[in-house]
Amino acid sequence: MAGVNYSDRRLHPRLDHGMPINVMADGYDFMSTTRNISCLGAYCHIGKYVPPFTKLNIKLRLPVKPNASRKVEVVCKGVVVRTEDDPAGGFNIAVFFNDIKPAQQHRIAEYINLFLPR
C-alpha cells in the first residue's frame, strides 16, 4: 500500500511506494525498487556499495495511474546523498535528482498526486 509521508520538513511530499528504478553508476547497472520517491529524489536498495557523491543515471517507469499497465519513462541524473548498510544485506541509498527536466519532475509529481487525499 502506498502512503504519502508528510511527517518531515520536505517541501515536496514523498510517496512510500515501491516502483522499479534503474540506477547506473561507474559501469554498474542496478535494478531496484524504490522505498519512497518525491519529485526531487528517491530512496532505494542496491546490492553493491556506492559512496555518497557518486553521480548516477536514473530511469523510472511510472504507471499512468495506480495499477495501470501503461507506463511513462522518466530519465534523469542524480547523486547519492546517503548510503546506509542494510542489516538484511546490501545498501540503502538516498538519491537527489540533480539534473532533471521540469517535464520529468512534473511526471513524478503527477504520479504522487494520484495518492494524495482529495
N, C-alpha and C. Protein backbone atom coordinates (compact mmCIF):
# COMPACT_ATOMS: atom_id res chain seq x y z
N MET A 1 0.85 -1.18 0.00
CA MET A 1 0.00 0.00 0.00
C MET A 1 0.89 1.24 0.00
N ALA A 2 0.61 2.16 -0.89
CA ALA A 2 1.37 3.39 -0.97
C ALA A 2 0.83 4.39 0.03
N GLY A 3 1.72 5.16 0.57
CA GLY A 3 1.33 6.20 1.51
C GLY A 3 2.14 7.45 1.26
N VAL A 4 1.56 8.59 1.55
CA VAL A 4 2.26 9.85 1.39
C VAL A 4 2.79 10.27 2.75
N ASN A 5 4.04 10.64 2.78
CA ASN A 5 4.71 10.99 4.03
C ASN A 5 4.75 12.50 4.19
N TYR A 6 4.01 13.01 5.17
CA TYR A 6 4.00 14.44 5.47
C TYR A 6 4.76 14.74 6.76
N SER A 7 5.32 13.73 7.40
CA SER A 7 5.84 13.89 8.75
C SER A 7 7.22 14.53 8.81
N ASP A 8 7.75 14.97 7.70
CA ASP A 8 9.05 15.60 7.74
C ASP A 8 8.98 17.01 7.18
N ARG A 9 10.12 17.64 7.01
CA ARG A 9 10.17 19.04 6.64
C ARG A 9 10.28 19.25 5.14
N ARG A 10 10.11 18.27 4.35
CA ARG A 10 10.29 18.41 2.91
C ARG A 10 9.17 19.24 2.29
N LEU A 11 9.56 20.02 1.28
CA LEU A 11 8.61 20.85 0.56
C LEU A 11 7.70 20.00 -0.33
N HIS A 12 8.26 18.94 -0.90
CA HIS A 12 7.52 18.07 -1.80
C HIS A 12 7.20 16.76 -1.10
N PRO A 13 5.96 16.29 -1.17
CA PRO A 13 5.60 15.04 -0.49
C PRO A 13 6.37 13.85 -1.07
N ARG A 14 6.67 12.89 -0.20
CA ARG A 14 7.28 11.64 -0.60
C ARG A 14 6.21 10.56 -0.60
N LEU A 15 6.28 9.70 -1.57
CA LEU A 15 5.35 8.59 -1.67
C LEU A 15 6.09 7.33 -1.21
N ASP A 16 5.61 6.71 -0.13
CA ASP A 16 6.16 5.45 0.35
C ASP A 16 5.61 4.36 -0.55
N HIS A 17 6.36 4.05 -1.59
CA HIS A 17 5.83 3.22 -2.66
C HIS A 17 6.98 2.53 -3.38
N GLY A 18 6.79 1.28 -3.69
CA GLY A 18 7.79 0.54 -4.44
C GLY A 18 7.49 0.58 -5.92
N MET A 19 8.42 1.13 -6.68
CA MET A 19 8.30 1.11 -8.14
C MET A 19 9.68 0.81 -8.72
N PRO A 20 9.73 0.17 -9.87
CA PRO A 20 11.02 -0.18 -10.45
C PRO A 20 11.86 1.07 -10.75
N ILE A 21 13.14 0.97 -10.42
CA ILE A 21 14.09 2.03 -10.72
C ILE A 21 15.37 1.38 -11.23
N ASN A 22 15.94 1.97 -12.25
CA ASN A 22 17.21 1.51 -12.82
C ASN A 22 18.25 2.56 -12.48
N VAL A 23 19.29 2.15 -11.76
CA VAL A 23 20.36 3.04 -11.30
C VAL A 23 21.65 2.60 -11.97
N MET A 24 22.29 3.51 -12.69
CA MET A 24 23.54 3.20 -13.36
C MET A 24 24.66 4.09 -12.82
N ALA A 25 25.78 3.46 -12.39
CA ALA A 25 26.90 4.21 -11.83
C ALA A 25 28.19 3.45 -12.06
N ASP A 26 29.20 4.16 -12.53
CA ASP A 26 30.55 3.60 -12.65
C ASP A 26 30.58 2.24 -13.34
N GLY A 27 29.82 2.09 -14.41
CA GLY A 27 29.81 0.84 -15.15
C GLY A 27 28.90 -0.24 -14.59
N TYR A 28 28.25 0.03 -13.46
CA TYR A 28 27.31 -0.92 -12.87
C TYR A 28 25.89 -0.49 -13.20
N ASP A 29 25.04 -1.47 -13.36
CA ASP A 29 23.63 -1.23 -13.69
C ASP A 29 22.80 -2.00 -12.68
N PHE A 30 22.08 -1.28 -11.81
CA PHE A 30 21.29 -1.90 -10.75
C PHE A 30 19.81 -1.75 -11.06
N MET A 31 19.09 -2.86 -10.98
CA MET A 31 17.62 -2.80 -10.99
C MET A 31 17.19 -2.88 -9.54
N SER A 32 16.31 -1.99 -9.14
CA SER A 32 15.87 -1.96 -7.76
C SER A 32 14.42 -1.54 -7.72
N THR A 33 13.95 -1.35 -6.51
CA THR A 33 12.60 -0.86 -6.27
C THR A 33 12.70 0.28 -5.27
N THR A 34 12.01 1.37 -5.55
CA THR A 34 12.06 2.49 -4.61
C THR A 34 11.37 2.09 -3.31
N ARG A 35 11.83 2.66 -2.23
CA ARG A 35 11.13 2.55 -0.94
C ARG A 35 10.27 3.78 -0.75
N ASN A 36 10.78 4.91 -1.26
CA ASN A 36 9.96 6.12 -1.35
C ASN A 36 10.53 6.99 -2.45
N ILE A 37 9.70 7.92 -2.90
CA ILE A 37 10.09 8.79 -4.01
C ILE A 37 9.39 10.13 -3.87
N SER A 38 10.06 11.18 -4.31
CA SER A 38 9.45 12.50 -4.45
C SER A 38 9.91 13.02 -5.81
N CYS A 39 9.46 14.19 -6.19
CA CYS A 39 9.89 14.72 -7.48
C CYS A 39 11.34 15.22 -7.43
N LEU A 40 11.96 15.18 -6.24
CA LEU A 40 13.34 15.61 -6.09
C LEU A 40 14.33 14.48 -5.83
N GLY A 41 13.83 13.27 -5.52
CA GLY A 41 14.75 12.19 -5.23
C GLY A 41 14.05 10.90 -4.88
N ALA A 42 14.86 9.89 -4.57
CA ALA A 42 14.32 8.57 -4.26
C ALA A 42 15.20 7.89 -3.22
N TYR A 43 14.63 6.90 -2.56
CA TYR A 43 15.34 6.06 -1.59
C TYR A 43 15.14 4.63 -2.05
N CYS A 44 16.23 3.89 -2.24
CA CYS A 44 16.10 2.53 -2.74
C CYS A 44 17.22 1.65 -2.21
N HIS A 45 17.11 0.35 -2.48
CA HIS A 45 18.05 -0.67 -2.02
C HIS A 45 18.85 -1.17 -3.21
N ILE A 46 20.17 -1.29 -3.03
CA ILE A 46 21.03 -1.89 -4.06
C ILE A 46 21.98 -2.88 -3.40
N GLY A 47 22.56 -3.75 -4.19
CA GLY A 47 23.40 -4.80 -3.65
C GLY A 47 24.86 -4.45 -3.46
N LYS A 48 25.34 -3.38 -4.09
CA LYS A 48 26.76 -3.02 -4.04
C LYS A 48 26.90 -1.65 -3.39
N TYR A 49 27.98 -1.46 -2.65
CA TYR A 49 28.23 -0.17 -2.01
C TYR A 49 28.51 0.89 -3.08
N VAL A 50 27.78 1.99 -2.99
CA VAL A 50 28.01 3.16 -3.84
C VAL A 50 28.19 4.34 -2.89
N PRO A 51 29.36 4.96 -2.91
CA PRO A 51 29.62 6.01 -1.93
C PRO A 51 28.84 7.29 -2.21
N PRO A 52 28.62 8.08 -1.15
CA PRO A 52 27.99 9.39 -1.33
C PRO A 52 28.77 10.22 -2.36
N PHE A 53 28.05 11.07 -3.04
CA PHE A 53 28.54 11.98 -4.09
C PHE A 53 28.79 11.29 -5.41
N THR A 54 28.46 9.99 -5.51
CA THR A 54 28.56 9.30 -6.79
C THR A 54 27.46 9.79 -7.71
N LYS A 55 27.83 10.11 -8.95
CA LYS A 55 26.85 10.55 -9.95
C LYS A 55 26.19 9.33 -10.56
N LEU A 56 24.88 9.44 -10.79
CA LEU A 56 24.08 8.32 -11.28
C LEU A 56 23.27 8.72 -12.51
N ASN A 57 22.98 7.75 -13.34
CA ASN A 57 21.94 7.88 -14.36
C ASN A 57 20.75 7.08 -13.85
N ILE A 58 19.57 7.67 -13.94
CA ILE A 58 18.36 7.09 -13.36
C ILE A 58 17.30 6.90 -14.45
N LYS A 59 16.60 5.76 -14.39
CA LYS A 59 15.42 5.53 -15.23
C LYS A 59 14.31 5.00 -14.33
N LEU A 60 13.17 5.64 -14.43
CA LEU A 60 11.96 5.20 -13.72
C LEU A 60 10.88 4.91 -14.75
N ARG A 61 10.03 3.95 -14.45
CA ARG A 61 8.86 3.70 -15.30
C ARG A 61 7.64 3.86 -14.40
N LEU A 62 6.95 4.98 -14.60
CA LEU A 62 5.80 5.32 -13.75
C LEU A 62 4.50 4.89 -14.40
N PRO A 63 3.65 4.19 -13.67
CA PRO A 63 2.32 3.90 -14.20
C PRO A 63 1.55 5.21 -14.43
N VAL A 64 0.76 5.25 -15.46
CA VAL A 64 -0.04 6.44 -15.75
C VAL A 64 -1.05 6.69 -14.63
N LYS A 65 -1.54 5.61 -14.04
CA LYS A 65 -2.41 5.68 -12.86
C LYS A 65 -2.13 4.42 -12.04
N PRO A 66 -2.57 4.38 -10.78
CA PRO A 66 -2.28 3.20 -9.96
C PRO A 66 -2.71 1.90 -10.64
N ASN A 67 -1.84 0.91 -10.60
CA ASN A 67 -2.09 -0.42 -11.16
C ASN A 67 -2.31 -0.44 -12.67
N ALA A 68 -1.90 0.61 -13.36
CA ALA A 68 -2.05 0.65 -14.83
C ALA A 68 -0.88 -0.09 -15.47
N SER A 69 -1.13 -0.73 -16.59
CA SER A 69 -0.06 -1.41 -17.29
C SER A 69 0.73 -0.43 -18.17
N ARG A 70 0.08 0.64 -18.63
CA ARG A 70 0.77 1.66 -19.44
C ARG A 70 1.66 2.51 -18.53
N LYS A 71 2.90 2.72 -18.96
CA LYS A 71 3.85 3.45 -18.13
C LYS A 71 4.53 4.55 -18.93
N VAL A 72 4.97 5.58 -18.23
CA VAL A 72 5.79 6.63 -18.84
C VAL A 72 7.19 6.54 -18.25
N GLU A 73 8.17 6.80 -19.07
CA GLU A 73 9.55 6.70 -18.62
C GLU A 73 10.07 8.07 -18.19
N VAL A 74 10.74 8.09 -17.07
CA VAL A 74 11.41 9.30 -16.56
C VAL A 74 12.90 8.99 -16.53
N VAL A 75 13.67 9.82 -17.21
CA VAL A 75 15.12 9.65 -17.28
C VAL A 75 15.75 10.92 -16.73
N CYS A 76 16.69 10.76 -15.80
CA CYS A 76 17.36 11.93 -15.22
C CYS A 76 18.71 11.51 -14.67
N LYS A 77 19.40 12.48 -14.12
CA LYS A 77 20.67 12.22 -13.44
C LYS A 77 20.48 12.52 -11.97
N GLY A 78 21.24 11.81 -11.15
CA GLY A 78 21.15 12.01 -9.72
C GLY A 78 22.51 11.88 -9.07
N VAL A 79 22.52 12.12 -7.78
CA VAL A 79 23.73 11.95 -6.99
C VAL A 79 23.36 11.28 -5.66
N VAL A 80 24.19 10.36 -5.22
CA VAL A 80 23.96 9.68 -3.94
C VAL A 80 24.25 10.67 -2.82
N VAL A 81 23.28 10.90 -1.95
CA VAL A 81 23.49 11.82 -0.83
C VAL A 81 23.67 11.07 0.49
N ARG A 82 23.29 9.79 0.52
CA ARG A 82 23.46 8.99 1.74
C ARG A 82 23.49 7.52 1.35
N THR A 83 24.40 6.77 1.98
CA THR A 83 24.47 5.32 1.81
C THR A 83 24.44 4.69 3.19
N GLU A 84 23.56 3.71 3.38
CA GLU A 84 23.42 3.04 4.68
C GLU A 84 23.50 1.53 4.48
N ASP A 85 24.20 0.85 5.40
CA ASP A 85 24.19 -0.61 5.41
C ASP A 85 22.77 -1.07 5.72
N ASP A 86 22.32 -2.09 5.01
CA ASP A 86 21.03 -2.70 5.32
C ASP A 86 21.33 -3.98 6.11
N PRO A 87 20.79 -4.12 7.32
CA PRO A 87 21.06 -5.32 8.13
C PRO A 87 20.70 -6.63 7.40
N ALA A 88 19.77 -6.56 6.47
CA ALA A 88 19.37 -7.75 5.72
C ALA A 88 20.31 -8.03 4.55
N GLY A 89 21.29 -7.15 4.33
CA GLY A 89 22.22 -7.30 3.21
C GLY A 89 22.07 -6.17 2.22
N GLY A 90 23.15 -5.79 1.59
CA GLY A 90 23.12 -4.72 0.61
C GLY A 90 23.13 -3.35 1.28
N PHE A 91 22.69 -2.37 0.52
CA PHE A 91 22.76 -0.99 0.96
C PHE A 91 21.51 -0.22 0.55
N ASN A 92 21.13 0.72 1.38
CA ASN A 92 20.06 1.65 1.06
C ASN A 92 20.70 2.98 0.68
N ILE A 93 20.26 3.55 -0.44
CA ILE A 93 20.82 4.82 -0.87
C ILE A 93 19.72 5.87 -1.03
N ALA A 94 20.06 7.08 -0.64
CA ALA A 94 19.20 8.23 -0.88
C ALA A 94 19.80 8.98 -2.07
N VAL A 95 18.96 9.24 -3.07
CA VAL A 95 19.41 9.85 -4.31
C VAL A 95 18.69 11.18 -4.50
N PHE A 96 19.45 12.23 -4.79
CA PHE A 96 18.90 13.53 -5.15
C PHE A 96 18.96 13.65 -6.66
N PHE A 97 17.82 13.99 -7.28
CA PHE A 97 17.78 14.18 -8.73
C PHE A 97 18.35 15.58 -9.02
N ASN A 98 19.63 15.64 -9.38
CA ASN A 98 20.27 16.94 -9.57
C ASN A 98 20.23 17.45 -10.99
N ASP A 99 19.81 16.61 -11.93
CA ASP A 99 19.70 17.03 -13.33
C ASP A 99 18.46 16.36 -13.91
N ILE A 100 17.33 17.05 -13.73
CA ILE A 100 16.05 16.51 -14.19
C ILE A 100 15.28 17.63 -14.87
N LYS A 101 14.73 17.33 -16.03
CA LYS A 101 13.96 18.33 -16.76
C LYS A 101 12.64 18.59 -16.03
N PRO A 102 12.16 19.83 -16.09
CA PRO A 102 10.90 20.15 -15.41
C PRO A 102 9.74 19.22 -15.82
N ALA A 103 9.68 18.83 -17.09
CA ALA A 103 8.60 17.94 -17.53
C ALA A 103 8.71 16.57 -16.85
N GLN A 104 9.92 16.08 -16.65
CA GLN A 104 10.12 14.80 -15.99
C GLN A 104 9.76 14.90 -14.50
N GLN A 105 10.17 16.01 -13.89
CA GLN A 105 9.84 16.26 -12.48
C GLN A 105 8.32 16.34 -12.31
N HIS A 106 7.68 16.97 -13.27
CA HIS A 106 6.22 17.11 -13.24
C HIS A 106 5.54 15.74 -13.35
N ARG A 107 6.09 14.84 -14.16
CA ARG A 107 5.51 13.49 -14.28
C ARG A 107 5.55 12.76 -12.94
N ILE A 108 6.66 12.89 -12.23
CA ILE A 108 6.76 12.25 -10.91
C ILE A 108 5.74 12.87 -9.95
N ALA A 109 5.66 14.20 -9.95
CA ALA A 109 4.71 14.90 -9.06
C ALA A 109 3.27 14.49 -9.38
N GLU A 110 2.93 14.37 -10.66
CA GLU A 110 1.58 13.93 -11.05
C GLU A 110 1.28 12.54 -10.52
N TYR A 111 2.27 11.65 -10.60
CA TYR A 111 2.06 10.29 -10.10
C TYR A 111 1.82 10.32 -8.60
N ILE A 112 2.63 11.05 -7.86
CA ILE A 112 2.47 11.15 -6.41
C ILE A 112 1.10 11.73 -6.07
N ASN A 113 0.67 12.72 -6.84
CA ASN A 113 -0.63 13.36 -6.60
C ASN A 113 -1.81 12.40 -6.73
N LEU A 114 -1.62 11.31 -7.47
CA LEU A 114 -2.69 10.31 -7.58
C LEU A 114 -3.02 9.70 -6.22
N PHE A 115 -2.05 9.73 -5.29
CA PHE A 115 -2.23 9.10 -3.98
C PHE A 115 -2.56 10.10 -2.87
N LEU A 116 -2.55 11.39 -3.18
CA LEU A 116 -2.85 12.41 -2.18
C LEU A 116 -4.34 12.43 -1.89
N PRO A 117 -4.70 12.66 -0.63
CA PRO A 117 -6.13 12.79 -0.31
C PRO A 117 -6.71 14.00 -1.03
N ARG A 118 -7.91 13.84 -1.47
CA ARG A 118 -8.57 14.95 -2.21
C ARG A 118 -9.34 15.83 -1.28
